[in-house]
Amino acid sequence: MLHDLHARPLRNLRLSVTDRCNLRCSYCMPEEDYLWLSKRHILSFEEIVRLVDVFIGLGVERVRLTGGEPLLRQDLRVLVGMLAARRGLREVALTTNGILLAEQARGLFDAGLRRVTVSLDTLRPERFRALARRDELARVLAGIRAVAGSPGLKIDAVVMRGVNDDELCDLLAFGREVRAEVRFIEYMDVGGATSWSMADVVPRAEMLARLAAAHGPIEALEPSGEDERAAPADRFRLADGAVFGVISSTTAPFCGSCDRSRLTADGMWFLCLYARLGTDLRGPLRAGASPEELARLVTVCWSARDARGAEERLAQDERGALAPAGEMRANPHLEMHKRGG
């Protein structure tokens, strides 16, 4: 297994299959207009698999399909099947906003999808419309119910002060209903969050205090293995046995154990969610580079990886959005919907 300068292995690959999305959430895509990737630059399924084979050879065991909204990519189940057939790949997972999940779930799981994470920040229709600028809550909830109780089902909720921080208990209750583990995510100052302010962040400690006031003592769970130690969420258990997670990248980063990298839909490889520059893998791939040549390129980049982006952001005295809208228009790969979560 390949390791970086901090002995972090190359083990998890986040694979964006499109930069398009059918929502416009205020914390991710708040601007009016966006520059979209050219279709001729988007990797084909065959090109994706060729690159994934290189990553598997260097230690990657898990691939998570992201976007944009990955279910907008036509025939995604075909790619899932191609990836699920790769020897050495332990898991193919998916992160989705859930709008198209009900109609695609059966085909995806039949093709070999193992786990699904659905983004859901609110259960209130009027709040959903204001936050996502689309009236799609009913379809999101239908998508979640279509996969209720499936192994490893998670619901991710970005918590923002004055927006949805009064729904922690409601979201936990919904998670119990659909047999999903809810993970609360601190509002992050990543690319796309052009209106981010620390004042809007609800820290993990405050979330736990609120939940304890409503549900009683909360037990912190120790990671049960290497996979959980490298996972982004700290897990907790309520007195009634309900388990939930908190991803506190803003106030308590987990850079020290981060084993993730991100490949965009057009083949740019990023070593950190906060990285401003990536490595072009599409160019060498389409120029005829062999698997060995691509592996050497990946090896050189990961071996020199020193990224601790969230920790560096935390250390800043004056912390604002990662990049203004103008800079992201000049460098669209800074956008979260380009590189995936």
C-alpha atoms as a PDB file:
ATOM      1  CA  MET A   1       0.000   0.000   0.000  1.00  0.00           C
ATOM      2  CA  LEU A   2       1.265   3.453  -0.964  1.00  0.00           C
ATOM      3  CA  HIS A   3       1.793   6.003   1.862  1.00  0.00           C
ATOM      4  CA  ASP A   4       2.300   9.760   1.936  1.00  0.00           C
ATOM      5  CA  LEU A   5       4.742  11.854   3.983  1.00  0.00           C
ATOM      6  CA  HIS A   6       2.581  11.410   7.098  1.00  0.00           C
ATOM      7  CA  ALA A   7       2.255   7.628   6.655  1.00  0.00           C
ATOM      8  CA  ARG A   8      -1.352   7.984   5.445  1.00  0.00           C
ATOM      9  CA  PRO A   9      -2.250   5.222   2.971  1.00  0.00           C
ATOM     10  CA  LEU A  10      -3.854   5.717  -0.415  1.00  0.00           C
ATOM     11  CA  ARG A  11      -6.980   3.691   0.314  1.00  0.00           C
ATOM     12  CA  ASN A  12     -10.182   5.603  -0.522  1.00  0.00           C
ATOM     13  CA  LEU A  13     -10.963   7.226  -3.864  1.00  0.00           C
ATOM     14  CA  ARG A  14     -13.824   9.695  -4.288  1.00  0.00           C
ATOM     15  CA  LEU A  15     -14.814   9.520  -7.927  1.00  0.00           C
ATOM     16  CA  SER A  16     -16.895  12.349  -9.380  1.00  0.00           C
ATOM     17  CA  VAL A  17     -18.811  11.248 -12.454  1.00  0.00           C
ATOM     18  CA  THR A  18     -20.409  14.615 -13.315  1.00  0.00           C
ATOM     19  CA  ASP A  19     -20.254  18.239 -12.209  1.00  0.00           C
ATOM     20  CA  ARG A  20     -23.981  18.745 -12.911  1.00  0.00           C
ATOM     21  CA  CYS A  21     -26.492  18.896 -10.076  1.00  0.00           C
ATOM     22  CA  ASN A  22     -30.274  19.174  -9.881  1.00  0.00           C
ATOM     23  CA  LEU A  23     -30.166  21.226  -6.654  1.00  0.00           C
ATOM     24  CA  ARG A  24     -28.596  24.606  -5.876  1.00  0.00           C
ATOM     25  CA  CYS A  25     -27.863  24.329  -2.166  1.00  0.00           C
ATOM     26  CA  SER A  26     -26.751  27.569  -0.556  1.00  0.00           C
ATOM     27  CA  TYR A  27     -23.640  26.052   1.044  1.00  0.00           C
ATOM     28  CA  CYS A  28     -22.401  24.437  -2.171  1.00  0.00           C
ATOM     29  CA  MET A  29     -23.801  26.239  -5.245  1.00  0.00           C
ATOM     30  CA  PRO A  30     -25.003  29.670  -4.133  1.00  0.00           C
ATOM     31  CA  GLU A  31     -24.106  31.583  -7.303  1.00  0.00           C
ATOM     32  CA  GLU A  32     -26.479  32.257 -10.176  1.00  0.00           C
ATOM     33  CA  ASP A  33     -24.348  30.866 -13.004  1.00  0.00           C
ATOM     34  CA  TYR A  34     -21.650  28.213 -13.324  1.00  0.00           C
ATOM     35  CA  LEU A  35     -19.136  27.057 -15.894  1.00  0.00           C
ATOM     36  CA  TRP A  36     -19.734  23.402 -16.716  1.00  0.00           C
ATOM     37  CA  LEU A  37     -17.165  20.857 -17.829  1.00  0.00           C
ATOM     38  CA  SER A  38     -17.055  20.191 -21.546  1.00  0.00           C
ATOM     39  CA  LYS A  39     -18.577  16.835 -22.499  1.00  0.00           C
ATOM     40  CA  ARG A  40     -15.497  15.970 -24.525  1.00  0.00           C
ATOM     41  CA  HIS A  41     -13.402  16.281 -21.391  1.00  0.00           C
ATOM     42  CA  ILE A  42     -15.586  13.982 -19.277  1.00  0.00           C
ATOM     43  CA  LEU A  43     -14.025  10.574 -18.732  1.00  0.00           C
ATOM     44  CA  SER A  44     -15.821   7.640 -20.320  1.00  0.00           C
ATOM     45  CA  PHE A  45     -16.694   4.641 -18.169  1.00  0.00           C
ATOM     46  CA  GLU A  46     -13.846   2.708 -19.791  1.00  0.00           C
ATOM     47  CA  GLU A  47     -11.376   5.497 -18.977  1.00  0.00           C
ATOM     48  CA  ILE A  48     -12.611   5.642 -15.391  1.00  0.00           C
ATOM     49  CA  VAL A  49     -12.107   1.912 -14.983  1.00  0.00           C
ATOM     50  CA  ARG A  50      -8.593   2.093 -16.442  1.00  0.00           C
ATOM     51  CA  LEU A  51      -7.651   4.744 -13.882  1.00  0.00           C
ATOM     52  CA  VAL A  52      -9.360   2.882 -11.043  1.00  0.00           C
ATOM     53  CA  ASP A  53      -7.333  -0.207 -11.942  1.00  0.00           C
ATOM     54  CA  VAL A  54      -4.187   1.873 -11.467  1.00  0.00           C
ATOM     55  CA  PHE A  55      -5.387   3.057  -8.068  1.00  0.00           C
ATOM     56  CA  ILE A  56      -6.332  -0.472  -7.007  1.00  0.00           C
ATOM     57  CA  GLY A  57      -2.815  -1.597  -7.850  1.00  0.00           C
ATOM     58  CA  LEU A  58      -1.483   1.049  -5.454  1.00  0.00           C
ATOM     59  CA  GLY A  59      -3.734   0.149  -2.526  1.00  0.00           C
ATOM     60  CA  VAL A  60      -7.162   1.719  -3.106  1.00  0.00           C
ATOM     61  CA  GLU A  61      -9.830  -0.577  -1.651  1.00  0.00           C
ATOM     62  CA  ARG A  62     -12.940   1.599  -1.762  1.00  0.00           C
ATOM     63  CA  VAL A  63     -14.455   3.836  -4.408  1.00  0.00           C
ATOM     64  CA  ARG A  64     -17.271   6.287  -3.679  1.00  0.00           C
ATOM     65  CA  LEU A  65     -19.176   7.752  -6.623  1.00  0.00           C
ATOM     66  CA  THR A  66     -19.956  11.440  -6.221  1.00  0.00           C
ATOM     67  CA  GLY A  67     -20.802  14.497  -8.294  1.00  0.00           C
ATOM     68  CA  GLY A  68     -22.322  17.011  -8.665  1.00  0.00           C
ATOM     69  CA  GLU A  69     -25.210  14.605  -8.454  1.00  0.00           C
ATOM     70  CA  PRO A  70     -23.932  11.224  -9.673  1.00  0.00           C
ATOM     71  CA  LEU A  71     -27.365   9.840 -10.563  1.00  0.00           C
ATOM     72  CA  LEU A  72     -27.534  12.417 -13.357  1.00  0.00           C
ATOM     73  CA  ARG A  73     -24.821  10.448 -15.179  1.00  0.00           C
ATOM     74  CA  GLN A  74     -26.573   8.305 -17.753  1.00  0.00           C
ATOM     75  CA  ASP A  75     -26.439   4.537 -17.155  1.00  0.00           C
ATOM     76  CA  LEU A  76     -24.532   4.873 -13.893  1.00  0.00           C
ATOM     77  CA  ARG A  77     -25.457   1.299 -12.990  1.00  0.00           C
ATOM     78  CA  VAL A  78     -23.251   0.165 -15.891  1.00  0.00           C
ATOM     79  CA  LEU A  79     -20.236   1.849 -14.305  1.00  0.00           C
ATOM     80  CA  VAL A  80     -21.162   0.383 -10.912  1.00  0.00           C
ATOM     81  CA  GLY A  81     -21.141  -3.078 -12.449  1.00  0.00           C
ATOM     82  CA  MET A  82     -17.790  -2.498 -14.115  1.00  0.00           C
ATOM     83  CA  LEU A  83     -16.253  -1.309 -10.852  1.00  0.00           C
ATOM     84  CA  ALA A  84     -17.843  -4.003  -8.697  1.00  0.00           C
ATOM     85  CA  ALA A  85     -16.191  -6.613 -10.917  1.00  0.00           C
ATOM     86  CA  ARG A  86     -12.663  -5.304 -10.225  1.00  0.00           C
ATOM     87  CA  ARG A  87     -10.557  -7.675  -8.155  1.00  0.00           C
ATOM     88  CA  GLY A  88      -9.109  -5.969  -5.112  1.00  0.00           C
ATOM     89  CA  LEU A  89     -11.904  -3.412  -4.781  1.00  0.00           C
ATOM     90  CA  ARG A  90     -13.755  -4.117  -1.547  1.00  0.00           C
ATOM     91  CA  GLU A  91     -16.575  -1.660  -1.954  1.00  0.00           C
ATOM     92  CA  VAL A  92     -18.385   0.610  -4.394  1.00  0.00           C
ATOM     93  CA  ALA A  93     -20.453   3.263  -2.580  1.00  0.00           C
ATOM     94  CA  LEU A  94     -22.512   6.263  -3.624  1.00  0.00           C
ATOM     95  CA  THR A  95     -23.274   9.715  -2.255  1.00  0.00           C
ATOM     96  CA  THR A  96     -26.448  11.262  -3.690  1.00  0.00           C
ATOM     97  CA  ASN A  97     -29.020  13.942  -2.995  1.00  0.00           C
ATOM     98  CA  GLY A  98     -31.652  11.247  -3.372  1.00  0.00           C
ATOM     99  CA  ILE A  99     -33.901  12.881  -5.969  1.00  0.00           C
ATOM    100  CA  LEU A 100     -33.415  10.098  -8.532  1.00  0.00           C
ATOM    101  CA  LEU A 101     -32.670   7.315  -6.057  1.00  0.00           C
ATOM    102  CA  ALA A 102     -36.082   5.644  -5.891  1.00  0.00           C
ATOM    103  CA  GLU A 103     -36.122   4.944  -9.620  1.00  0.00           C
ATOM    104  CA  GLN A 104     -32.494   3.805  -9.834  1.00  0.00           C
ATOM    105  CA  ALA A 105     -31.861   2.005  -6.540  1.00  0.00           C
ATOM    106  CA  ARG A 106     -32.767  -1.517  -7.654  1.00  0.00           C
ATOM    107  CA  GLY A 107     -30.541  -1.391 -10.729  1.00  0.00           C
ATOM    108  CA  LEU A 108     -27.624   0.061  -8.778  1.00  0.00           C
ATOM    109  CA  PHE A 109     -27.735  -2.561  -6.036  1.00  0.00           C
ATOM    110  CA  ASP A 110     -28.207  -5.353  -8.562  1.00  0.00           C
ATOM    111  CA  ALA A 111     -25.089  -4.066 -10.338  1.00  0.00           C
ATOM    112  CA  GLY A 112     -23.011  -4.333  -7.150  1.00  0.00           C
ATOM    113  CA  LEU A 113     -23.445  -1.086  -5.216  1.00  0.00           C
ATOM    114  CA  ARG A 114     -22.744  -1.771  -1.547  1.00  0.00           C
ATOM    115  CA  ARG A 115     -23.606   1.403   0.384  1.00  0.00           C
ATOM    116  CA  VAL A 116     -25.519   4.649  -0.095  1.00  0.00           C
ATOM    117  CA  THR A 117     -25.226   7.993   1.661  1.00  0.00           C
ATOM    118  CA  VAL A 118     -28.028  10.499   1.064  1.00  0.00           C
ATOM    119  CA  SER A 119     -27.709  14.221   1.749  1.00  0.00           C
ATOM    120  CA  LEU A 120     -30.691  15.583   3.688  1.00  0.00           C
ATOM    121  CA  ASP A 121     -30.398  18.864   5.575  1.00  0.00           C
ATOM    122  CA  THR A 122     -34.020  19.459   6.534  1.00  0.00           C
ATOM    123  CA  LEU A 123     -37.368  17.701   6.794  1.00  0.00           C
ATOM    124  CA  ARG A 124     -39.405  20.873   6.270  1.00  0.00           C
ATOM    125  CA  PRO A 125     -40.633  21.508   2.700  1.00  0.00           C
ATOM    126  CA  GLU A 126     -40.486  25.308   2.892  1.00  0.00           C
ATOM    127  CA  ARG A 127     -37.005  25.183   4.390  1.00  0.00           C
ATOM    128  CA  PHE A 128     -35.849  22.701   1.760  1.00  0.00           C
ATOM    129  CA  ARG A 129     -37.065  25.027  -1.011  1.00  0.00           C
ATOM    130  CA  ALA A 130     -35.185  27.951   0.533  1.00  0.00           C
ATOM    131  CA  LEU A 131     -32.001  25.974   1.126  1.00  0.00           C
ATOM    132  CA  ALA A 132     -31.835  23.955  -2.103  1.00  0.00           C
ATOM    133  CA  ARG A 133     -33.805  26.346  -4.357  1.00  0.00           C
ATOM    134  CA  ARG A 134     -35.768  23.402  -5.703  1.00  0.00           C
ATOM    135  CA  ASP A 135     -39.045  21.833  -4.520  1.00  0.00           C
ATOM    136  CA  GLU A 136     -37.770  18.249  -4.358  1.00  0.00           C
ATOM    137  CA  LEU A 137     -38.034  17.167  -0.713  1.00  0.00           C
ATOM    138  CA  ALA A 138     -40.776  14.622  -1.413  1.00  0.00           C
ATOM    139  CA  ARG A 139     -38.599  12.845  -4.001  1.00  0.00           C
ATOM    140  CA  VAL A 140     -35.595  12.863  -1.667  1.00  0.00           C
ATOM    141  CA  LEU A 141     -37.631  11.271   1.108  1.00  0.00           C
ATOM    142  CA  ALA A 142     -39.057   8.715  -1.333  1.00  0.00           C
ATOM    143  CA  GLY A 143     -35.520   7.866  -2.423  1.00  0.00           C
ATOM    144  CA  ILE A 144     -34.403   7.307   1.146  1.00  0.00           C
ATOM    145  CA  ARG A 145     -37.415   5.128   1.905  1.00  0.00           C
ATOM    146  CA  ALA A 146     -36.677   3.081  -1.222  1.00  0.00           C
ATOM    147  CA  VAL A 147     -33.359   2.009   0.331  1.00  0.00           C
ATOM    148  CA  ALA A 148     -34.483   2.030   3.986  1.00  0.00           C
ATOM    149  CA  GLY A 149     -32.624  -0.495   6.068  1.00  0.00           C
ATOM    150  CA  SER A 150     -30.029  -1.273   3.404  1.00  0.00           C
ATOM    151  CA  PRO A 151     -26.597  -2.102   4.857  1.00  0.00           C
ATOM    152  CA  GLY A 152     -24.535   0.967   5.703  1.00  0.00           C
ATOM    153  CA  LEU A 153     -27.246   3.478   4.802  1.00  0.00           C
ATOM    154  CA  LYS A 154     -26.313   6.956   6.041  1.00  0.00           C
ATOM    155  CA  ILE A 155     -27.955  10.357   5.988  1.00  0.00           C
ATOM    156  CA  ASP A 156     -25.652  13.385   5.878  1.00  0.00           C
ATOM    157  CA  ALA A 157     -26.924  16.733   7.167  1.00  0.00           C
ATOM    158  CA  VAL A 158     -24.917  19.943   6.953  1.00  0.00           C
ATOM    159  CA  VAL A 159     -25.790  21.901  10.099  1.00  0.00           C
ATOM    160  CA  MET A 160     -25.967  25.710   9.807  1.00  0.00           C
ATOM    161  CA  ARG A 161     -26.789  28.121  12.591  1.00  0.00           C
ATOM    162  CA  GLY A 162     -30.142  29.778  12.170  1.00  0.00           C
ATOM    163  CA  VAL A 163     -30.951  27.600   9.167  1.00  0.00           C
ATOM    164  CA  ASN A 164     -31.535  24.006  10.310  1.00  0.00           C
ATOM    165  CA  ASP A 165     -29.780  23.639  13.680  1.00  0.00           C
ATOM    166  CA  ASP A 166     -33.166  23.229  15.351  1.00  0.00           C
ATOM    167  CA  GLU A 167     -33.753  19.938  13.489  1.00  0.00           C
ATOM    168  CA  LEU A 168     -31.079  17.726  15.065  1.00  0.00           C
ATOM    169  CA  CYS A 169     -33.593  15.631  17.000  1.00  0.00           C
ATOM    170  CA  ASP A 170     -36.047  15.501  14.095  1.00  0.00           C
ATOM    171  CA  LEU A 171     -33.356  14.216  11.730  1.00  0.00           C
ATOM    172  CA  LEU A 172     -32.299  11.585  14.261  1.00  0.00           C
ATOM    173  CA  ALA A 173     -35.896  10.450  14.582  1.00  0.00           C
ATOM    174  CA  PHE A 174     -36.190  10.149  10.804  1.00  0.00           C
ATOM    175  CA  GLY A 175     -32.956   8.169  10.745  1.00  0.00           C
ATOM    176  CA  ARG A 176     -34.458   5.690  13.207  1.00  0.00           C
ATOM    177  CA  GLU A 177     -37.565   5.413  11.022  1.00  0.00           C
ATOM    178  CA  VAL A 178     -35.616   4.456   7.893  1.00  0.00           C
ATOM    179  CA  ARG A 179     -32.894   2.525   9.770  1.00  0.00           C
ATOM    180  CA  ALA A 180     -30.116   4.873   8.673  1.00  0.00           C
ATOM    181  CA  GLU A 181     -27.209   6.341  10.621  1.00  0.00           C
ATOM    182  CA  VAL A 182     -27.422  10.129  10.629  1.00  0.00           C
ATOM    183  CA  ARG A 183     -24.198  12.117  10.382  1.00  0.00           C
ATOM    184  CA  PHE A 184     -24.194  15.805  11.245  1.00  0.00           C
ATOM    185  CA  ILE A 185     -21.599  17.802   9.310  1.00  0.00           C
ATOM    186  CA  GLU A 186     -20.149  21.098  10.444  1.00  0.00           C
ATOM    187  CA  TYR A 187     -20.618  23.780   7.793  1.00  0.00           C
ATOM    188  CA  MET A 188     -17.276  23.787   5.934  1.00  0.00           C
ATOM    189  CA  ASP A 189     -15.416  26.623   4.214  1.00  0.00           C
ATOM    190  CA  VAL A 190     -14.701  24.630   1.072  1.00  0.00           C
ATOM    191  CA  GLY A 191     -14.860  25.758  -2.539  1.00  0.00           C
ATOM    192  CA  GLY A 192     -18.371  26.829  -3.452  1.00  0.00           C
ATOM    193  CA  ALA A 193     -19.231  28.090   0.038  1.00  0.00           C
ATOM    194  CA  THR A 194     -18.781  31.718  -1.005  1.00  0.00           C
ATOM    195  CA  SER A 195     -21.006  32.981   1.814  1.00  0.00           C
ATOM    196  CA  TRP A 196     -19.318  30.916   4.539  1.00  0.00           C
ATOM    197  CA  SER A 197     -18.775  32.506   7.934  1.00  0.00           C
ATOM    198  CA  MET A 198     -17.546  30.961  11.174  1.00  0.00           C
ATOM    199  CA  ALA A 199     -20.580  32.527  12.843  1.00  0.00           C
ATOM    200  CA  ASP A 200     -22.777  30.115  10.865  1.00  0.00           C
ATOM    201  CA  VAL A 201     -20.922  27.016  12.089  1.00  0.00           C
ATOM    202  CA  VAL A 202     -22.462  24.884  14.840  1.00  0.00           C
ATOM    203  CA  PRO A 203     -19.462  23.116  16.439  1.00  0.00           C
ATOM    204  CA  ARG A 204     -19.556  19.460  17.366  1.00  0.00           C
ATOM    205  CA  ALA A 205     -19.459  20.271  21.094  1.00  0.00           C
ATOM    206  CA  GLU A 206     -22.590  22.378  20.770  1.00  0.00           C
ATOM    207  CA  MET A 207     -24.416  19.714  18.760  1.00  0.00           C
ATOM    208  CA  LEU A 208     -23.621  17.110  21.396  1.00  0.00           C
ATOM    209  CA  ALA A 209     -24.725  19.413  24.202  1.00  0.00           C
ATOM    210  CA  ARG A 210     -28.063  20.053  22.518  1.00  0.00           C
ATOM    211  CA  LEU A 211     -28.654  16.357  21.879  1.00  0.00           C
ATOM    212  CA  ALA A 212     -27.685  15.459  25.438  1.00  0.00           C
ATOM    213  CA  ALA A 213     -30.169  18.000  26.768  1.00  0.00           C
ATOM    214  CA  ALA A 214     -32.906  16.326  24.735  1.00  0.00           C
ATOM    215  CA  HIS A 215     -31.927  12.657  25.013  1.00  0.00           C
ATOM    216  CA  GLY A 216     -29.733  12.270  28.083  1.00  0.00           C
ATOM    217  CA  PRO A 217     -26.103  11.108  28.333  1.00  0.00           C
ATOM    218  CA  ILE A 218     -24.262  10.446  25.084  1.00  0.00           C
ATOM    219  CA  GLU A 219     -21.604   7.751  24.797  1.00  0.00           C
ATOM    220  CA  ALA A 220     -18.608   8.303  22.507  1.00  0.00           C
ATOM    221  CA  LEU A 221     -17.876   5.117  20.545  1.00  0.00           C
ATOM    222  CA  GLU A 222     -14.328   3.930  19.973  1.00  0.00           C
ATOM    223  CA  PRO A 223     -13.466   3.014  16.374  1.00  0.00           C
ATOM    224  CA  SER A 224     -13.869  -0.724  15.896  1.00  0.00           C
ATOM    225  CA  GLY A 225     -11.153  -1.106  13.293  1.00  0.00           C
ATOM    226  CA  GLU A 226      -8.835   0.573  10.819  1.00  0.00           C
ATOM    227  CA  ASP A 227     -11.684   1.588   8.532  1.00  0.00           C
ATOM    228  CA  GLU A 228     -13.507   3.449  11.309  1.00  0.00           C
ATOM    229  CA  ARG A 229     -10.295   5.083  12.533  1.00  0.00           C
ATOM    230  CA  ALA A 230      -9.838   6.621   9.084  1.00  0.00           C
ATOM    231  CA  ALA A 231     -13.515   7.537   8.685  1.00  0.00           C
ATOM    232  CA  PRO A 232     -14.433  11.242   8.802  1.00  0.00           C
ATOM    233  CA  ALA A 233     -17.150  10.895  11.440  1.00  0.00           C
ATOM    234  CA  ASP A 234     -16.810  10.475  15.181  1.00  0.00           C
ATOM    235  CA  ARG A 235     -19.598   8.139  16.276  1.00  0.00           C
ATOM    236  CA  PHE A 236     -21.817   8.417  19.339  1.00  0.00           C
ATOM    237  CA  ARG A 237     -24.650   6.473  20.956  1.00  0.00           C
ATOM    238  CA  LEU A 238     -27.737   7.769  22.718  1.00  0.00           C
ATOM    239  CA  ALA A 239     -29.171   6.104  25.795  1.00  0.00           C
ATOM    240  CA  ASP A 240     -31.857   4.424  23.642  1.00  0.00           C
ATOM    241  CA  GLY A 241     -29.152   2.807  21.497  1.00  0.00           C
ATOM    242  CA  ALA A 242     -29.405   5.076  18.462  1.00  0.00           C
ATOM    243  CA  VAL A 243     -26.003   5.649  16.866  1.00  0.00           C
ATOM    244  CA  PHE A 244     -25.113   8.826  14.988  1.00  0.00           C
ATOM    245  CA  GLY A 245     -21.988  10.550  13.742  1.00  0.00           C
ATOM    246  CA  VAL A 246     -20.518  14.034  13.669  1.00  0.00           C
ATOM    247  CA  ILE A 247     -18.092  15.178  10.979  1.00  0.00           C
ATOM    248  CA  SER A 248     -16.260  18.108  12.521  1.00  0.00           C
ATOM    249  CA  SER A 249     -13.790  19.043   9.797  1.00  0.00           C
ATOM    250  CA  THR A 250     -14.160  22.747  10.590  1.00  0.00           C
ATOM    251  CA  THR A 251     -13.395  22.777  14.331  1.00  0.00           C
ATOM    252  CA  ALA A 252     -11.663  19.401  14.869  1.00  0.00           C
ATOM    253  CA  PRO A 253     -10.072  18.243  11.589  1.00  0.00           C
ATOM    254  CA  PHE A 254      -9.116  14.619  10.975  1.00  0.00           C
ATOM    255  CA  CYS A 255      -6.263  15.369   8.552  1.00  0.00           C
ATOM    256  CA  GLY A 256      -3.918  13.050  10.423  1.00  0.00           C
ATOM    257  CA  SER A 257      -5.841   9.957   9.337  1.00  0.00           C
ATOM    258  CA  CYS A 258      -7.228  11.128   5.989  1.00  0.00           C
ATOM    259  CA  ASP A 259      -6.729   8.445   3.330  1.00  0.00           C
ATOM    260  CA  ARG A 260      -8.920  10.058   0.664  1.00  0.00           C
ATOM    261  CA  SER A 261      -8.212  11.546  -2.708  1.00  0.00           C
ATOM    262  CA  ARG A 262     -10.607  12.857  -5.336  1.00  0.00           C
ATOM    263  CA  LEU A 263     -10.789  12.317  -9.078  1.00  0.00           C
ATOM    264  CA  THR A 264     -12.977  14.769 -10.978  1.00  0.00           C
ATOM    265  CA  ALA A 265     -15.228  13.827 -13.865  1.00  0.00           C
ATOM    266  CA  ASP A 266     -12.652  15.246 -16.284  1.00  0.00           C
ATOM    267  CA  GLY A 267      -9.697  13.426 -14.750  1.00  0.00           C
ATOM    268  CA  MET A 268      -8.124  15.948 -12.364  1.00  0.00           C
ATOM    269  CA  TRP A 269      -6.797  14.242  -9.234  1.00  0.00           C
ATOM    270  CA  PHE A 270      -6.842  16.186  -5.949  1.00  0.00           C
ATOM    271  CA  LEU A 271      -5.017  15.094  -2.814  1.00  0.00           C
ATOM    272  CA  CYS A 272      -7.061  17.232  -0.414  1.00  0.00           C
ATOM    273  CA  LEU A 273     -10.541  18.723  -0.368  1.00  0.00           C
ATOM    274  CA  TYR A 274      -8.932  22.146   0.148  1.00  0.00           C
ATOM    275  CA  ALA A 275      -6.231  21.735  -2.529  1.00  0.00           C
ATOM    276  CA  ARG A 276      -6.080  24.525  -5.100  1.00  0.00           C
ATOM    277  CA  LEU A 277      -4.170  22.488  -7.664  1.00  0.00           C
ATOM    278  CA  GLY A 278      -4.633  18.947  -8.905  1.00  0.00           C
ATOM    279  CA  THR A 279      -2.827  16.503 -11.194  1.00  0.00           C
ATOM    280  CA  ASP A 280      -4.138  15.910 -14.707  1.00  0.00           C
ATOM    281  CA  LEU A 281      -4.571  12.164 -15.287  1.00  0.00           C
ATOM    282  CA  ARG A 282      -6.835  12.476 -18.314  1.00  0.00           C
ATOM    283  CA  GLY A 283      -4.098  13.997 -20.465  1.00  0.00           C
ATOM    284  CA  PRO A 284      -1.559  11.168 -20.016  1.00  0.00           C
ATOM    285  CA  LEU A 285      -4.324   8.566 -20.224  1.00  0.00           C
ATOM    286  CA  ARG A 286      -5.604   9.834 -23.567  1.00  0.00           C
ATOM    287  CA  ALA A 287      -2.057  10.331 -24.823  1.00  0.00           C
ATOM    288  CA  GLY A 288      -1.518   6.588 -24.461  1.00  0.00           C
ATOM    289  CA  ALA A 289       0.293   6.312 -21.122  1.00  0.00           C
ATOM    290  CA  SER A 290       0.641   2.731 -19.967  1.00  0.00           C
ATOM    291  CA  PRO A 291      -0.759   1.539 -16.607  1.00  0.00           C
ATOM    292  CA  GLU A 292       2.805   1.477 -15.301  1.00  0.00           C
ATOM    293  CA  GLU A 293       3.429   5.076 -16.367  1.00  0.00           C
ATOM    294  CA  LEU A 294       0.179   6.208 -14.760  1.00  0.00           C
ATOM    295  CA  ALA A 295       1.058   4.304 -11.597  1.00  0.00           C
ATOM    296  CA  ARG A 296       4.420   6.065 -11.427  1.00  0.00           C
ATOM    297  CA  LEU A 297       2.711   9.448 -11.753  1.00  0.00           C
ATOM    298  CA  VAL A 298       0.254   8.627  -8.961  1.00  0.00           C
ATOM    299  CA  THR A 299       3.048   7.209  -6.804  1.00  0.00           C
ATOM    300  CA  VAL A 300       5.187  10.337  -7.131  1.00  0.00           C
ATOM    301  CA  CYS A 301       2.260  12.606  -6.215  1.00  0.00           C
ATOM    302  CA  TRP A 302       0.971  10.599  -3.246  1.00  0.00           C
ATOM    303  CA  SER A 303       4.443   9.886  -1.854  1.00  0.00           C
ATOM    304  CA  ALA A 304       5.072  13.639  -1.723  1.00  0.00           C
ATOM    305  CA  ARG A 305       1.640  14.424  -0.229  1.00  0.00           C
ATOM    306  CA  ASP A 306       1.884  16.748   2.763  1.00  0.00           C
ATOM    307  CA  ALA A 307      -1.711  17.991   2.656  1.00  0.00           C
ATOM    308  CA  ARG A 308      -3.393  19.016   5.913  1.00  0.00           C
ATOM    309  CA  GLY A 309      -5.816  21.513   4.452  1.00  0.00           C
ATOM    310  CA  ALA A 310      -8.471  21.587   7.179  1.00  0.00           C
ATOM    311  CA  GLU A 311      -5.842  21.998   9.901  1.00  0.00           C
ATOM    312  CA  GLU A 312      -4.257  24.869   7.996  1.00  0.00           C
ATOM    313  CA  ARG A 313      -7.653  26.544   7.680  1.00  0.00           C
ATOM    314  CA  LEU A 314      -8.268  26.111  11.410  1.00  0.00           C
ATOM    315  CA  ALA A 315      -4.945  27.790  12.217  1.00  0.00           C
ATOM    316  CA  GLN A 316      -5.817  30.970  10.296  1.00  0.00           C
ATOM    317  CA  ASP A 317      -6.444  34.041  12.421  1.00  0.00           C
ATOM    318  CA  GLU A 318      -8.997  35.493  10.027  1.00  0.00           C
ATOM    319  CA  ARG A 319     -10.969  32.780   8.336  1.00  0.00           C
ATOM    320  CA  GLY A 320     -13.395  33.375   5.522  1.00  0.00           C
ATOM    321  CA  ALA A 321     -14.534  31.542   2.411  1.00  0.00           C
ATOM    322  CA  LEU A 322     -11.844  29.454   0.702  1.00  0.00           C
ATOM    323  CA  ALA A 323     -12.140  31.449  -2.516  1.00  0.00           C
ATOM    324  CA  PRO A 324     -14.353  34.263  -3.816  1.00  0.00           C
ATOM    325  CA  ALA A 325     -16.706  33.620  -6.710  1.00  0.00           C
ATOM    326  CA  GLY A 326     -14.370  35.358  -9.167  1.00  0.00           C
ATOM    327  CA  GLU A 327     -11.473  33.055  -8.363  1.00  0.00           C
ATOM    328  CA  MET A 328     -13.642  29.981  -8.752  1.00  0.00           C
ATOM    329  CA  ARG A 329     -14.879  31.206 -12.103  1.00  0.00           C
ATOM    330  CA  ALA A 330     -11.239  31.435 -13.187  1.00  0.00           C
ATOM    331  CA  ASN A 331     -10.500  28.001 -11.661  1.00  0.00           C
ATOM    332  CA  PRO A 332     -13.761  26.000 -11.680  1.00  0.00           C
ATOM    333  CA  HIS A 333     -12.051  22.947 -10.201  1.00  0.00           C
ATOM    334  CA  LEU A 334     -12.149  24.739  -6.851  1.00  0.00           C
ATOM    335  CA  GLU A 335     -15.909  24.133  -6.791  1.00  0.00           C
ATOM    336  CA  MET A 336     -17.179  21.337  -4.552  1.00  0.00           C
ATOM    337  CA  HIS A 337     -19.589  20.180  -7.227  1.00  0.00           C
ATOM    338  CA  LYS A 338     -16.597  19.642  -9.533  1.00  0.00           C
ATOM    339  CA  ARG A 339     -14.433  17.555  -7.196  1.00  0.00           C
ATOM    340  CA  GLY A 340     -17.050  15.839  -5.050  1.00  0.00           C
ATOM    341  CA  GLY A 341     -17.392  15.632  -1.259  1.00  0.00           C
END
